[in-house]
Each structure stands twice: as structure tokens, then as C-alpha cells.
Amino acid sequence: MVQVPGVVDGSSLKTLISSVEEELEGTEWATRKAAADTLACLATALGPMALSASKASCTAALVTCRFDKVFCKSS
């Protein structure tokens, strides 16, 4: 069973990832950023194999919003 200590167990992981993917499609940039950060944290904590079942759908959601905000740093 896959576990993220104090956060989610294996039975809840699909629900969590589904919610994160839904937020990646939202209209608020900050929400999409938080969802992407959540995926990164899950991948780091669980390892790449734990998220392999959701890899295609997560990647598609991330690709859709990858150019939606560009940071320009003024000097």
C-alpha cells in the first residue's frame, strides 16, 4: 500500500490525484500552480511508480496550462 505520511493512503490517492487534475483545468493561475506543486510533492514523496497510472492524464493537464503565465523579471 502506498502512503504519504499524514496525508493520504493508497485508497485515497486516486481521489486526490483526480481533484488535483481538476484544479489544473481551473481558471485561476494560482490554483493551477498549487495543483502542479501538489503533483510535484506527491511524485517526490511517493516516487514515480506510485503515480504511473495517472501519468498520461496528469501530463496532458500540465501541458495544457504550461504557457498560461510567463514571469518577467524587471531589473
N, C-alpha and C. Protein backbone atom coordinates (compact mmCIF):
# COMPACT_ATOMS: atom_id res chain seq x y z
N MET A 1 0.84 -1.17 0.00
CA MET A 1 0.00 0.00 0.00
C MET A 1 0.89 1.25 0.00
N VAL A 2 0.54 2.21 -0.84
CA VAL A 2 1.29 3.46 -0.95
C VAL A 2 0.76 4.44 0.09
N GLN A 3 1.67 5.12 0.79
CA GLN A 3 1.25 6.10 1.78
C GLN A 3 2.12 7.34 1.74
N VAL A 4 1.48 8.48 1.90
CA VAL A 4 2.18 9.72 2.16
C VAL A 4 1.89 10.00 3.62
N PRO A 5 2.90 9.92 4.48
CA PRO A 5 2.66 10.04 5.92
C PRO A 5 1.84 11.28 6.28
N GLY A 6 0.75 11.04 6.99
CA GLY A 6 -0.08 12.13 7.47
C GLY A 6 -0.97 12.78 6.43
N VAL A 7 -0.94 12.30 5.19
CA VAL A 7 -1.71 12.97 4.16
C VAL A 7 -2.74 12.05 3.52
N VAL A 8 -2.30 10.99 2.91
CA VAL A 8 -3.22 10.15 2.15
C VAL A 8 -2.69 8.72 2.09
N ASP A 9 -3.62 7.76 2.08
CA ASP A 9 -3.22 6.37 1.91
C ASP A 9 -3.55 5.94 0.47
N GLY A 10 -3.20 4.74 0.13
CA GLY A 10 -3.38 4.24 -1.23
C GLY A 10 -4.81 4.31 -1.73
N SER A 11 -5.77 4.05 -0.87
CA SER A 11 -7.17 4.06 -1.31
C SER A 11 -7.66 5.46 -1.64
N SER A 12 -7.04 6.48 -1.07
CA SER A 12 -7.46 7.86 -1.32
C SER A 12 -6.63 8.55 -2.40
N LEU A 13 -5.56 7.92 -2.84
CA LEU A 13 -4.65 8.55 -3.79
C LEU A 13 -5.33 8.88 -5.11
N LYS A 14 -6.15 7.98 -5.63
CA LYS A 14 -6.86 8.25 -6.89
C LYS A 14 -7.77 9.46 -6.77
N THR A 15 -8.46 9.58 -5.66
CA THR A 15 -9.34 10.71 -5.43
C THR A 15 -8.54 12.01 -5.35
N LEU A 16 -7.43 11.97 -4.66
CA LEU A 16 -6.59 13.15 -4.54
C LEU A 16 -6.06 13.59 -5.91
N ILE A 17 -5.53 12.64 -6.68
CA ILE A 17 -4.99 12.97 -7.99
C ILE A 17 -6.08 13.49 -8.91
N SER A 18 -7.25 12.91 -8.84
CA SER A 18 -8.38 13.39 -9.65
C SER A 18 -8.73 14.83 -9.31
N SER A 19 -8.72 15.15 -8.03
CA SER A 19 -9.00 16.53 -7.60
C SER A 19 -7.92 17.49 -8.07
N VAL A 20 -6.68 17.06 -7.99
CA VAL A 20 -5.56 17.90 -8.44
C VAL A 20 -5.67 18.15 -9.94
N GLU A 21 -5.97 17.11 -10.71
CA GLU A 21 -6.13 17.27 -12.16
C GLU A 21 -7.26 18.24 -12.49
N GLU A 22 -8.34 18.16 -11.73
CA GLU A 22 -9.47 19.07 -11.94
C GLU A 22 -9.04 20.52 -11.71
N GLU A 23 -8.23 20.74 -10.69
CA GLU A 23 -7.76 22.10 -10.39
C GLU A 23 -6.77 22.60 -11.44
N LEU A 24 -6.06 21.70 -12.09
CA LEU A 24 -5.15 22.10 -13.17
C LEU A 24 -5.92 22.70 -14.35
N GLU A 25 -7.20 22.38 -14.45
CA GLU A 25 -8.04 22.89 -15.53
C GLU A 25 -8.84 24.12 -15.12
N GLY A 26 -8.62 24.61 -13.91
CA GLY A 26 -9.36 25.76 -13.40
C GLY A 26 -8.96 27.05 -14.09
N THR A 27 -9.63 28.13 -13.71
CA THR A 27 -9.38 29.43 -14.35
C THR A 27 -8.37 30.28 -13.61
N GLU A 28 -8.12 30.01 -12.36
CA GLU A 28 -7.18 30.80 -11.57
C GLU A 28 -5.76 30.25 -11.69
N TRP A 29 -4.83 31.13 -12.08
CA TRP A 29 -3.45 30.70 -12.24
C TRP A 29 -2.87 30.19 -10.93
N ALA A 30 -3.10 30.88 -9.85
CA ALA A 30 -2.54 30.48 -8.56
C ALA A 30 -3.02 29.08 -8.15
N THR A 31 -4.26 28.76 -8.48
CA THR A 31 -4.80 27.43 -8.17
C THR A 31 -4.12 26.37 -9.01
N ARG A 32 -3.92 26.66 -10.30
CA ARG A 32 -3.23 25.72 -11.18
C ARG A 32 -1.78 25.51 -10.70
N LYS A 33 -1.14 26.58 -10.27
CA LYS A 33 0.24 26.49 -9.76
C LYS A 33 0.29 25.61 -8.50
N ALA A 34 -0.66 25.81 -7.61
CA ALA A 34 -0.72 25.00 -6.39
C ALA A 34 -0.97 23.53 -6.72
N ALA A 35 -1.81 23.27 -7.71
CA ALA A 35 -2.08 21.89 -8.12
C ALA A 35 -0.83 21.25 -8.71
N ALA A 36 -0.09 21.99 -9.53
CA ALA A 36 1.16 21.47 -10.11
C ALA A 36 2.18 21.20 -9.00
N ASP A 37 2.26 22.10 -8.05
CA ASP A 37 3.17 21.91 -6.91
C ASP A 37 2.78 20.68 -6.10
N THR A 38 1.48 20.45 -5.95
CA THR A 38 1.00 19.27 -5.22
C THR A 38 1.42 17.99 -5.93
N LEU A 39 1.29 17.98 -7.26
CA LEU A 39 1.74 16.81 -8.01
C LEU A 39 3.24 16.58 -7.83
N ALA A 40 4.00 17.65 -7.86
CA ALA A 40 5.45 17.52 -7.67
C ALA A 40 5.77 16.94 -6.30
N CYS A 41 5.08 17.41 -5.28
CA CYS A 41 5.31 16.90 -3.92
C CYS A 41 4.92 15.42 -3.81
N LEU A 42 3.81 15.07 -4.41
CA LEU A 42 3.39 13.66 -4.38
C LEU A 42 4.40 12.78 -5.10
N ALA A 43 4.88 13.22 -6.25
CA ALA A 43 5.85 12.43 -7.00
C ALA A 43 7.14 12.27 -6.21
N THR A 44 7.54 13.33 -5.53
CA THR A 44 8.76 13.25 -4.71
C THR A 44 8.57 12.31 -3.53
N ALA A 45 7.43 12.42 -2.87
CA ALA A 45 7.18 11.62 -1.68
C ALA A 45 6.93 10.15 -2.00
N LEU A 46 6.22 9.89 -3.10
CA LEU A 46 5.82 8.53 -3.42
C LEU A 46 6.73 7.83 -4.41
N GLY A 47 7.45 8.61 -5.18
CA GLY A 47 8.27 8.04 -6.25
C GLY A 47 7.47 7.95 -7.53
N PRO A 48 8.15 7.85 -8.64
CA PRO A 48 7.48 7.89 -9.94
C PRO A 48 6.53 6.72 -10.20
N MET A 49 6.81 5.57 -9.65
CA MET A 49 5.96 4.41 -9.91
C MET A 49 4.57 4.53 -9.27
N ALA A 50 4.46 5.24 -8.16
CA ALA A 50 3.18 5.37 -7.48
C ALA A 50 2.18 6.17 -8.29
N LEU A 51 2.66 7.08 -9.12
CA LEU A 51 1.78 7.92 -9.92
C LEU A 51 1.70 7.47 -11.38
N SER A 52 2.29 6.33 -11.70
CA SER A 52 2.36 5.89 -13.09
C SER A 52 0.98 5.69 -13.72
N ALA A 53 -0.01 5.26 -12.96
CA ALA A 53 -1.35 5.05 -13.50
C ALA A 53 -1.99 6.36 -13.95
N SER A 54 -1.58 7.46 -13.37
CA SER A 54 -2.15 8.76 -13.69
C SER A 54 -1.23 9.61 -14.55
N LYS A 55 -0.11 9.05 -14.98
CA LYS A 55 0.89 9.83 -15.68
C LYS A 55 0.34 10.51 -16.94
N ALA A 56 -0.37 9.79 -17.77
CA ALA A 56 -0.87 10.35 -19.04
C ALA A 56 -1.84 11.50 -18.80
N SER A 57 -2.78 11.31 -17.90
CA SER A 57 -3.77 12.36 -17.66
C SER A 57 -3.15 13.57 -16.97
N CYS A 58 -2.23 13.34 -16.05
CA CYS A 58 -1.55 14.46 -15.38
C CYS A 58 -0.69 15.24 -16.37
N THR A 59 0.03 14.52 -17.21
CA THR A 59 0.88 15.18 -18.20
C THR A 59 0.05 16.00 -19.16
N ALA A 60 -1.07 15.46 -19.62
CA ALA A 60 -1.95 16.20 -20.53
C ALA A 60 -2.47 17.48 -19.88
N ALA A 61 -2.86 17.39 -18.62
CA ALA A 61 -3.36 18.58 -17.91
C ALA A 61 -2.26 19.62 -17.74
N LEU A 62 -1.05 19.18 -17.43
CA LEU A 62 0.07 20.11 -17.27
C LEU A 62 0.47 20.76 -18.59
N VAL A 63 0.46 20.00 -19.68
CA VAL A 63 0.81 20.54 -20.99
C VAL A 63 -0.20 21.61 -21.41
N THR A 64 -1.45 21.39 -21.09
CA THR A 64 -2.50 22.34 -21.46
C THR A 64 -2.27 23.72 -20.85
N CYS A 65 -1.75 23.77 -19.65
CA CYS A 65 -1.60 25.06 -18.97
C CYS A 65 -0.16 25.51 -18.82
N ARG A 66 0.77 24.94 -19.54
CA ARG A 66 2.17 25.26 -19.31
C ARG A 66 2.59 26.64 -19.78
N PHE A 67 1.90 27.23 -20.73
CA PHE A 67 2.28 28.55 -21.23
C PHE A 67 1.33 29.65 -20.78
N ASP A 68 0.50 29.38 -19.79
CA ASP A 68 -0.54 30.34 -19.44
C ASP A 68 -0.05 31.52 -18.61
N LYS A 69 1.14 31.47 -18.08
CA LYS A 69 1.66 32.61 -17.32
C LYS A 69 3.17 32.66 -17.49
N VAL A 70 3.65 33.79 -17.85
CA VAL A 70 5.07 33.98 -18.04
C VAL A 70 5.54 35.05 -17.07
N PHE A 71 6.55 34.74 -16.30
CA PHE A 71 7.09 35.71 -15.36
C PHE A 71 8.19 36.52 -16.05
N CYS A 72 8.07 37.81 -15.96
CA CYS A 72 9.11 38.68 -16.49
C CYS A 72 9.70 39.43 -15.31
N LYS A 73 10.98 39.30 -15.15
CA LYS A 73 11.65 39.97 -14.02
C LYS A 73 12.26 41.27 -14.53
N SER A 74 11.83 42.35 -13.95
CA SER A 74 12.36 43.65 -14.33
C SER A 74 13.62 43.94 -13.54
N SER A 75 14.58 44.59 -14.19
CA SER A 75 15.82 44.93 -13.49
C SER A 75 15.75 46.32 -12.95
